Amino acid sequence: SDREEIAKYAKNYLPLLFNLYTSEKWNASRDPVRQSVFETIKRYLTITDHELCQQFFDKSLEKMKNTELDQTTLYENRV
């Protein structure tokens, strides 16, 4: 089916979409292009293999923790 065919590309497209969505170039959360990217991500996740979604989640969580650590280190070095 079409869904299965599109789902094959999730491993390639989702990281690109995540990077677009989290890009710092977006000034407003209501930017129509950013909202479109968000909606595309949501739709893609509904047809993506659960195991792949879990891998993306784990990787995102790890990135977030590393970012928090980097920001904490920067703050502590300034004080």
PDB file of N, CA and C in Angstrom:
ATOM      1  N   SER A   1       0.834  -1.191   0.000  1.00  0.00           N
ATOM      2  CA  SER A   1       0.000   0.000   0.000  1.00  0.00           C
ATOM      3  C   SER A   1       0.880   1.258   0.000  1.00  0.00           C
ATOM      4  N   ASP A   2       0.262   2.386  -0.213  1.00  0.00           N
ATOM      5  CA  ASP A   2       0.987   3.664  -0.225  1.00  0.00           C
ATOM      6  C   ASP A   2       1.633   3.956   1.122  1.00  0.00           C
ATOM      7  N   ARG A   3       0.902   3.653   2.184  1.00  0.00           N
ATOM      8  CA  ARG A   3       1.443   3.908   3.534  1.00  0.00           C
ATOM      9  C   ARG A   3       2.719   3.120   3.773  1.00  0.00           C
ATOM     10  N   GLU A   4       2.706   1.860   3.395  1.00  0.00           N
ATOM     11  CA  GLU A   4       3.889   1.016   3.581  1.00  0.00           C
ATOM     12  C   GLU A   4       5.060   1.524   2.751  1.00  0.00           C
ATOM     13  N   GLU A   5       4.764   1.967   1.545  1.00  0.00           N
ATOM     14  CA  GLU A   5       5.814   2.484   0.666  1.00  0.00           C
ATOM     15  C   GLU A   5       6.429   3.753   1.251  1.00  0.00           C
ATOM     16  N   ILE A   6       5.606   4.641   1.751  1.00  0.00           N
ATOM     17  CA  ILE A   6       6.098   5.892   2.349  1.00  0.00           C
ATOM     18  C   ILE A   6       6.833   5.601   3.655  1.00  0.00           C
ATOM     19  N   ALA A   7       6.338   4.653   4.432  1.00  0.00           N
ATOM     20  CA  ALA A   7       6.957   4.314   5.717  1.00  0.00           C
ATOM     21  C   ALA A   7       8.388   3.813   5.546  1.00  0.00           C
ATOM     22  N   LYS A   8       8.695   3.232   4.395  1.00  0.00           N
ATOM     23  CA  LYS A   8      10.058   2.751   4.131  1.00  0.00           C
ATOM     24  C   LYS A   8      11.089   3.868   4.249  1.00  0.00           C
ATOM     25  N   TYR A   9      10.670   5.085   3.971  1.00  0.00           N
ATOM     26  CA  TYR A   9      11.597   6.215   3.939  1.00  0.00           C
ATOM     27  C   TYR A   9      11.661   6.985   5.256  1.00  0.00           C
ATOM     28  N   ALA A  10      10.958   6.517   6.257  1.00  0.00           N
ATOM     29  CA  ALA A  10      10.922   7.220   7.545  1.00  0.00           C
ATOM     30  C   ALA A  10      12.314   7.388   8.138  1.00  0.00           C
ATOM     31  N   LYS A  11      13.130   6.361   8.018  1.00  0.00           N
ATOM     32  CA  LYS A  11      14.478   6.413   8.594  1.00  0.00           C
ATOM     33  C   LYS A  11      15.296   7.555   7.985  1.00  0.00           C
ATOM     34  N   ASN A  12      15.027   7.878   6.732  1.00  0.00           N
ATOM     35  CA  ASN A  12      15.746   8.957   6.058  1.00  0.00           C
ATOM     36  C   ASN A  12      15.100  10.320   6.285  1.00  0.00           C
ATOM     37  N   TYR A  13      13.780  10.364   6.210  1.00  0.00           N
ATOM     38  CA  TYR A  13      13.087  11.651   6.248  1.00  0.00           C
ATOM     39  C   TYR A  13      12.888  12.217   7.648  1.00  0.00           C
ATOM     40  N   LEU A  14      12.602  11.373   8.617  1.00  0.00           N
ATOM     41  CA  LEU A  14      12.327  11.899   9.958  1.00  0.00           C
ATOM     42  C   LEU A  14      13.495  12.691  10.547  1.00  0.00           C
ATOM     43  N   PRO A  15      14.739  12.227  10.448  1.00  0.00           N
ATOM     44  CA  PRO A  15      15.836  13.056  10.978  1.00  0.00           C
ATOM     45  C   PRO A  15      15.923  14.430  10.299  1.00  0.00           C
ATOM     46  N   LEU A  16      15.675  14.453   8.992  1.00  0.00           N
ATOM     47  CA  LEU A  16      15.682  15.736   8.276  1.00  0.00           C
ATOM     48  C   LEU A  16      14.564  16.644   8.782  1.00  0.00           C
ATOM     49  N   LEU A  17      13.396  16.060   8.961  1.00  0.00           N
ATOM     50  CA  LEU A  17      12.262  16.844   9.454  1.00  0.00           C
ATOM     51  C   LEU A  17      12.499  17.323  10.884  1.00  0.00           C
ATOM     52  N   PHE A  18      13.078  16.466  11.730  1.00  0.00           N
ATOM     53  CA  PHE A  18      13.398  16.876  13.103  1.00  0.00           C
ATOM     54  C   PHE A  18      14.364  18.054  13.093  1.00  0.00           C
ATOM     55  N   ASN A  19      15.384  17.972  12.249  1.00  0.00           N
ATOM     56  CA  ASN A  19      16.359  19.062  12.166  1.00  0.00           C
ATOM     57  C   ASN A  19      15.719  20.352  11.678  1.00  0.00           C
ATOM     58  N   LEU A  20      14.840  20.242  10.699  1.00  0.00           N
ATOM     59  CA  LEU A  20      14.133  21.433  10.222  1.00  0.00           C
ATOM     60  C   LEU A  20      13.284  22.047  11.333  1.00  0.00           C
ATOM     61  N   TYR A  21      12.553  21.192  12.026  1.00  0.00           N
ATOM     62  CA  TYR A  21      11.641  21.686  13.059  1.00  0.00           C
ATOM     63  C   TYR A  21      12.379  22.339  14.224  1.00  0.00           C
ATOM     64  N   THR A  22      13.518  21.792  14.592  1.00  0.00           N
ATOM     65  CA  THR A  22      14.243  22.319  15.753  1.00  0.00           C
ATOM     66  C   THR A  22      15.281  23.370  15.385  1.00  0.00           C
ATOM     67  N   SER A  23      15.349  23.711  14.130  1.00  0.00           N
ATOM     68  CA  SER A  23      16.307  24.718  13.680  1.00  0.00           C
ATOM     69  C   SER A  23      16.063  26.044  14.393  1.00  0.00           C
ATOM     70  N   GLU A  24      17.139  26.712  14.763  1.00  0.00           N
ATOM     71  CA  GLU A  24      17.031  27.989  15.476  1.00  0.00           C
ATOM     72  C   GLU A  24      16.610  29.136  14.571  1.00  0.00           C
ATOM     73  N   LYS A  25      16.525  28.894  13.284  1.00  0.00           N
ATOM     74  CA  LYS A  25      16.155  29.976  12.376  1.00  0.00           C
ATOM     75  C   LYS A  25      14.682  30.373  12.507  1.00  0.00           C
ATOM     76  N   TRP A  26      13.893  29.522  13.149  1.00  0.00           N
ATOM     77  CA  TRP A  26      12.471  29.831  13.317  1.00  0.00           C
ATOM     78  C   TRP A  26      12.316  30.837  14.445  1.00  0.00           C
ATOM     79  N   ASN A  27      11.772  31.995  14.127  1.00  0.00           N
ATOM     80  CA  ASN A  27      11.574  33.038  15.133  1.00  0.00           C
ATOM     81  C   ASN A  27      10.278  32.852  15.903  1.00  0.00           C
ATOM     82  N   ALA A  28       9.293  32.345  15.250  1.00  0.00           N
ATOM     83  CA  ALA A  28       7.989  32.217  15.900  1.00  0.00           C
ATOM     84  C   ALA A  28       7.500  30.775  15.825  1.00  0.00           C
ATOM     85  N   SER A  29       6.925  30.318  16.906  1.00  0.00           N
ATOM     86  CA  SER A  29       6.418  28.944  16.918  1.00  0.00           C
ATOM     87  C   SER A  29       5.210  28.789  15.996  1.00  0.00           C
ATOM     88  N   ARG A  30       4.612  29.897  15.607  1.00  0.00           N
ATOM     89  CA  ARG A  30       3.438  29.855  14.733  1.00  0.00           C
ATOM     90  C   ARG A  30       3.798  29.998  13.254  1.00  0.00           C
ATOM     91  N   ASP A  31       5.066  29.963  12.941  1.00  0.00           N
ATOM     92  CA  ASP A  31       5.502  30.059  11.552  1.00  0.00           C
ATOM     93  C   ASP A  31       4.798  28.963  10.750  1.00  0.00           C
ATOM     94  N   PRO A  32       4.139  29.314   9.643  1.00  0.00           N
ATOM     95  CA  PRO A  32       3.370  28.308   8.891  1.00  0.00           C
ATOM     96  C   PRO A  32       4.221  27.159   8.339  1.00  0.00           C
ATOM     97  N   VAL A  33       5.441  27.449   7.937  1.00  0.00           N
ATOM     98  CA  VAL A  33       6.305  26.381   7.425  1.00  0.00           C
ATOM     99  C   VAL A  33       6.678  25.440   8.562  1.00  0.00           C
ATOM    100  N   ARG A  34       7.013  26.015   9.710  1.00  0.00           N
ATOM    101  CA  ARG A  34       7.368  25.185  10.869  1.00  0.00           C
ATOM    102  C   ARG A  34       6.183  24.321  11.288  1.00  0.00           C
ATOM    103  N   GLN A  35       4.991  24.891  11.259  1.00  0.00           N
ATOM    104  CA  GLN A  35       3.795  24.127  11.601  1.00  0.00           C
ATOM    105  C   GLN A  35       3.568  22.984  10.610  1.00  0.00           C
ATOM    106  N   SER A  36       3.843  23.231   9.341  1.00  0.00           N
ATOM    107  CA  SER A  36       3.708  22.182   8.323  1.00  0.00           C
ATOM    108  C   SER A  36       4.695  21.051   8.568  1.00  0.00           C
ATOM    109  N   VAL A  37       5.909  21.407   8.946  1.00  0.00           N
ATOM    110  CA  VAL A  37       6.921  20.392   9.257  1.00  0.00           C
ATOM    111  C   VAL A  37       6.454  19.559  10.451  1.00  0.00           C
ATOM    112  N   PHE A  38       5.918  20.229  11.471  1.00  0.00           N
ATOM    113  CA  PHE A  38       5.424  19.530  12.657  1.00  0.00           C
ATOM    114  C   PHE A  38       4.304  18.550  12.291  1.00  0.00           C
ATOM    115  N   GLU A  39       3.373  18.993  11.468  1.00  0.00           N
ATOM    116  CA  GLU A  39       2.268  18.124  11.056  1.00  0.00           C
ATOM    117  C   GLU A  39       2.778  16.930  10.248  1.00  0.00           C
ATOM    118  N   THR A  40       3.776  17.161   9.421  1.00  0.00           N
ATOM    119  CA  THR A  40       4.366  16.077   8.633  1.00  0.00           C
ATOM    120  C   THR A  40       5.031  15.054   9.544  1.00  0.00           C
ATOM    121  N   ILE A  41       5.751  15.539  10.548  1.00  0.00           N
ATOM    122  CA  ILE A  41       6.385  14.635  11.521  1.00  0.00           C
ATOM    123  C   ILE A  41       5.320  13.787  12.219  1.00  0.00           C
ATOM    124  N   LYS A  42       4.264  14.433  12.674  1.00  0.00           N
ATOM    125  CA  LYS A  42       3.195  13.696  13.365  1.00  0.00           C
ATOM    126  C   LYS A  42       2.614  12.596  12.481  1.00  0.00           C
ATOM    127  N   ARG A  43       2.366  12.923  11.227  1.00  0.00           N
ATOM    128  CA  ARG A  43       1.793  11.927  10.304  1.00  0.00           C
ATOM    129  C   ARG A  43       2.778  10.789  10.043  1.00  0.00           C
ATOM    130  N   TYR A  44       4.035  11.147   9.839  1.00  0.00           N
ATOM    131  CA  TYR A  44       5.045  10.122   9.571  1.00  0.00           C
ATOM    132  C   TYR A  44       5.174   9.169  10.754  1.00  0.00           C
ATOM    133  N   LEU A  45       5.109   9.694  11.965  1.00  0.00           N
ATOM    134  CA  LEU A  45       5.251   8.835  13.142  1.00  0.00           C
ATOM    135  C   LEU A  45       4.114   7.821  13.268  1.00  0.00           C
ATOM    136  N   THR A  46       2.959   8.132  12.719  1.00  0.00           N
ATOM    137  CA  THR A  46       1.833   7.192  12.800  1.00  0.00           C
ATOM    138  C   THR A  46       2.015   5.980  11.895  1.00  0.00           C
ATOM    139  N   ILE A  47       2.872   6.093  10.880  1.00  0.00           N
ATOM    140  CA  ILE A  47       3.066   4.974   9.954  1.00  0.00           C
ATOM    141  C   ILE A  47       4.459   4.353  10.073  1.00  0.00           C
ATOM    142  N   THR A  48       5.257   4.883  11.000  1.00  0.00           N
ATOM    143  CA  THR A  48       6.627   4.408  11.173  1.00  0.00           C
ATOM    144  C   THR A  48       6.663   3.244  12.154  1.00  0.00           C
ATOM    145  N   ASP A  49       7.539   2.303  11.884  1.00  0.00           N
ATOM    146  CA  ASP A  49       7.745   1.148  12.752  1.00  0.00           C
ATOM    147  C   ASP A  49       8.000   1.614  14.191  1.00  0.00           C
ATOM    148  N   HIS A  50       7.354   0.956  15.143  1.00  0.00           N
ATOM    149  CA  HIS A  50       7.461   1.347  16.554  1.00  0.00           C
ATOM    150  C   HIS A  50       8.909   1.327  17.046  1.00  0.00           C
ATOM    151  N   GLU A  51       9.655   0.323  16.638  1.00  0.00           N
ATOM    152  CA  GLU A  51      11.054   0.209  17.069  1.00  0.00           C
ATOM    153  C   GLU A  51      11.886   1.402  16.574  1.00  0.00           C
ATOM    154  N   LEU A  52      11.637   1.829  15.348  1.00  0.00           N
ATOM    155  CA  LEU A  52      12.347   2.985  14.800  1.00  0.00           C
ATOM    156  C   LEU A  52      11.953   4.259  15.554  1.00  0.00           C
ATOM    157  N   CYS A  53      10.672   4.390  15.870  1.00  0.00           N
ATOM    158  CA  CYS A  53      10.222   5.544  16.669  1.00  0.00           C
ATOM    159  C   CYS A  53      10.937   5.565  18.017  1.00  0.00           C
ATOM    160  N   GLN A  54      11.077   4.401  18.625  1.00  0.00           N
ATOM    161  CA  GLN A  54      11.758   4.314  19.919  1.00  0.00           C
ATOM    162  C   GLN A  54      13.218   4.728  19.791  1.00  0.00           C
ATOM    163  N   GLN A  55      13.871   4.321  18.715  1.00  0.00           N
ATOM    164  CA  GLN A  55      15.266   4.716  18.483  1.00  0.00           C
ATOM    165  C   GLN A  55      15.389   6.233  18.353  1.00  0.00           C
ATOM    166  N   PHE A  56      14.471   6.834  17.608  1.00  0.00           N
ATOM    167  CA  PHE A  56      14.486   8.294  17.458  1.00  0.00           C
ATOM    168  C   PHE A  56      14.238   8.980  18.799  1.00  0.00           C
ATOM    169  N   PHE A  57      13.313   8.433  19.575  1.00  0.00           N
ATOM    170  CA  PHE A  57      13.020   9.008  20.886  1.00  0.00           C
ATOM    171  C   PHE A  57      14.245   8.945  21.787  1.00  0.00           C
ATOM    172  N   ASP A  58      14.883   7.782  21.834  1.00  0.00           N
ATOM    173  CA  ASP A  58      16.071   7.616  22.680  1.00  0.00           C
ATOM    174  C   ASP A  58      17.189   8.565  22.262  1.00  0.00           C
ATOM    175  N   LYS A  59      17.390   8.691  20.964  1.00  0.00           N
ATOM    176  CA  LYS A  59      18.438   9.575  20.453  1.00  0.00           C
ATOM    177  C   LYS A  59      18.116  11.038  20.791  1.00  0.00           C
ATOM    178  N   SER A  60      16.851  11.417  20.668  1.00  0.00           N
ATOM    179  CA  SER A  60      16.437  12.788  20.991  1.00  0.00           C
ATOM    180  C   SER A  60      16.614  13.078  22.477  1.00  0.00           C
ATOM    181  N   LEU A  61      16.251  12.118  23.299  1.00  0.00           N
ATOM    182  CA  LEU A  61      16.394  12.272  24.741  1.00  0.00           C
ATOM    183  C   LEU A  61      17.863  12.435  25.122  1.00  0.00           C
ATOM    184  N   GLU A  62      18.718  11.635  24.509  1.00  0.00           N
ATOM    185  CA  GLU A  62      20.154  11.733  24.769  1.00  0.00           C
ATOM    186  C   GLU A  62      20.691  13.108  24.352  1.00  0.00           C
ATOM    187  N   LYS A  63      20.253  13.581  23.193  1.00  0.00           N
ATOM    188  CA  LYS A  63      20.677  14.904  22.717  1.00  0.00           C
ATOM    189  C   LYS A  63      20.231  15.999  23.680  1.00  0.00           C
ATOM    190  N   MET A  64      18.998  15.890  24.148  1.00  0.00           N
ATOM    191  CA  MET A  64      18.461  16.884  25.065  1.00  0.00           C
ATOM    192  C   MET A  64      19.254  16.900  26.372  1.00  0.00           C
ATOM    193  N   LYS A  65      19.570  15.726  26.890  1.00  0.00           N
ATOM    194  CA  LYS A  65      20.350  15.646  28.131  1.00  0.00           C
ATOM    195  C   LYS A  65      21.733  16.254  27.939  1.00  0.00           C
ATOM    196  N   ASN A  66      22.362  15.977  26.802  1.00  0.00           N
ATOM    197  CA  ASN A  66      23.679  16.544  26.518  1.00  0.00           C
ATOM    198  C   ASN A  66      23.614  18.059  26.395  1.00  0.00           C
ATOM    199  N   THR A  67      22.558  18.567  25.799  1.00  0.00           N
ATOM    200  CA  THR A  67      22.385  20.010  25.666  1.00  0.00           C
ATOM    201  C   THR A  67      22.211  20.647  27.035  1.00  0.00           C
ATOM    202  N   GLU A  68      21.426  19.998  27.895  1.00  0.00           N
ATOM    203  CA  GLU A  68      21.233  20.518  29.252  1.00  0.00           C
ATOM    204  C   GLU A  68      22.554  20.544  30.003  1.00  0.00           C
ATOM    205  N   LEU A  69      23.356  19.493  29.854  1.00  0.00           N
ATOM    206  CA  LEU A  69      24.659  19.445  30.513  1.00  0.00           C
ATOM    207  C   LEU A  69      25.566  20.554  29.993  1.00  0.00           C
ATOM    208  N   ASP A  70      25.567  20.776  28.696  1.00  0.00           N
ATOM    209  CA  ASP A  70      26.387  21.833  28.106  1.00  0.00           C
ATOM    210  C   ASP A  70      25.966  23.199  28.634  1.00  0.00           C
ATOM    211  N   GLN A  71      24.670  23.440  28.734  1.00  0.00           N
ATOM    212  CA  GLN A  71      24.186  24.728  29.222  1.00  0.00           C
ATOM    213  C   GLN A  71      24.516  24.910  30.697  1.00  0.00           C
ATOM    214  N   THR A  72      24.416  23.844  31.480  1.00  0.00           N
ATOM    215  CA  THR A  72      24.760  23.912  32.899  1.00  0.00           C
ATOM    216  C   THR A  72      26.239  24.227  33.061  1.00  0.00           C
ATOM    217  N   THR A  73      27.064  23.585  32.276  1.00  0.00           N
ATOM    218  CA  THR A  73      28.509  23.831  32.329  1.00  0.00           C
ATOM    219  C   THR A  73      28.824  25.272  31.959  1.00  0.00           C
ATOM    220  N   LEU A  74      28.186  25.781  30.928  1.00  0.00           N
ATOM    221  CA  LEU A  74      28.396  27.177  30.528  1.00  0.00           C
ATOM    222  C   LEU A  74      28.000  28.121  31.656  1.00  0.00           C
ATOM    223  N   TYR A  75      26.860  27.852  32.276  1.00  0.00           N
ATOM    224  CA  TYR A  75      26.387  28.705  33.362  1.00  0.00           C
ATOM    225  C   TYR A  75      27.358  28.665  34.539  1.00  0.00           C
ATOM    226  N   GLU A  76      27.795  27.472  34.912  1.00  0.00           N
ATOM    227  CA  GLU A  76      28.702  27.331  36.057  1.00  0.00           C
ATOM    228  C   GLU A  76      30.048  27.998  35.794  1.00  0.00           C
ATOM    229  N   ASN A  77      30.497  27.975  34.570  1.00  0.00           N
ATOM    230  CA  ASN A  77      31.769  28.615  34.232  1.00  0.00           C
ATOM    231  C   ASN A  77      31.673  30.138  34.262  1.00  0.00           C
ATOM    232  N   ARG A  78      30.481  30.675  34.074  1.00  0.00           N
ATOM    233  CA  ARG A  78      30.285  32.127  34.106  1.00  0.00           C
ATOM    234  C   ARG A  78      30.190  32.656  35.528  1.00  0.00           C
ATOM    235  N   VAL A  79      29.722  31.810  36.436  1.00  0.00           N
ATOM    236  CA  VAL A  79      29.498  32.249  37.825  1.00  0.00           C
ATOM    237  C   VAL A  79      30.774  32.248  38.605  1.00  0.00           C
TER     238      VAL A  79
END
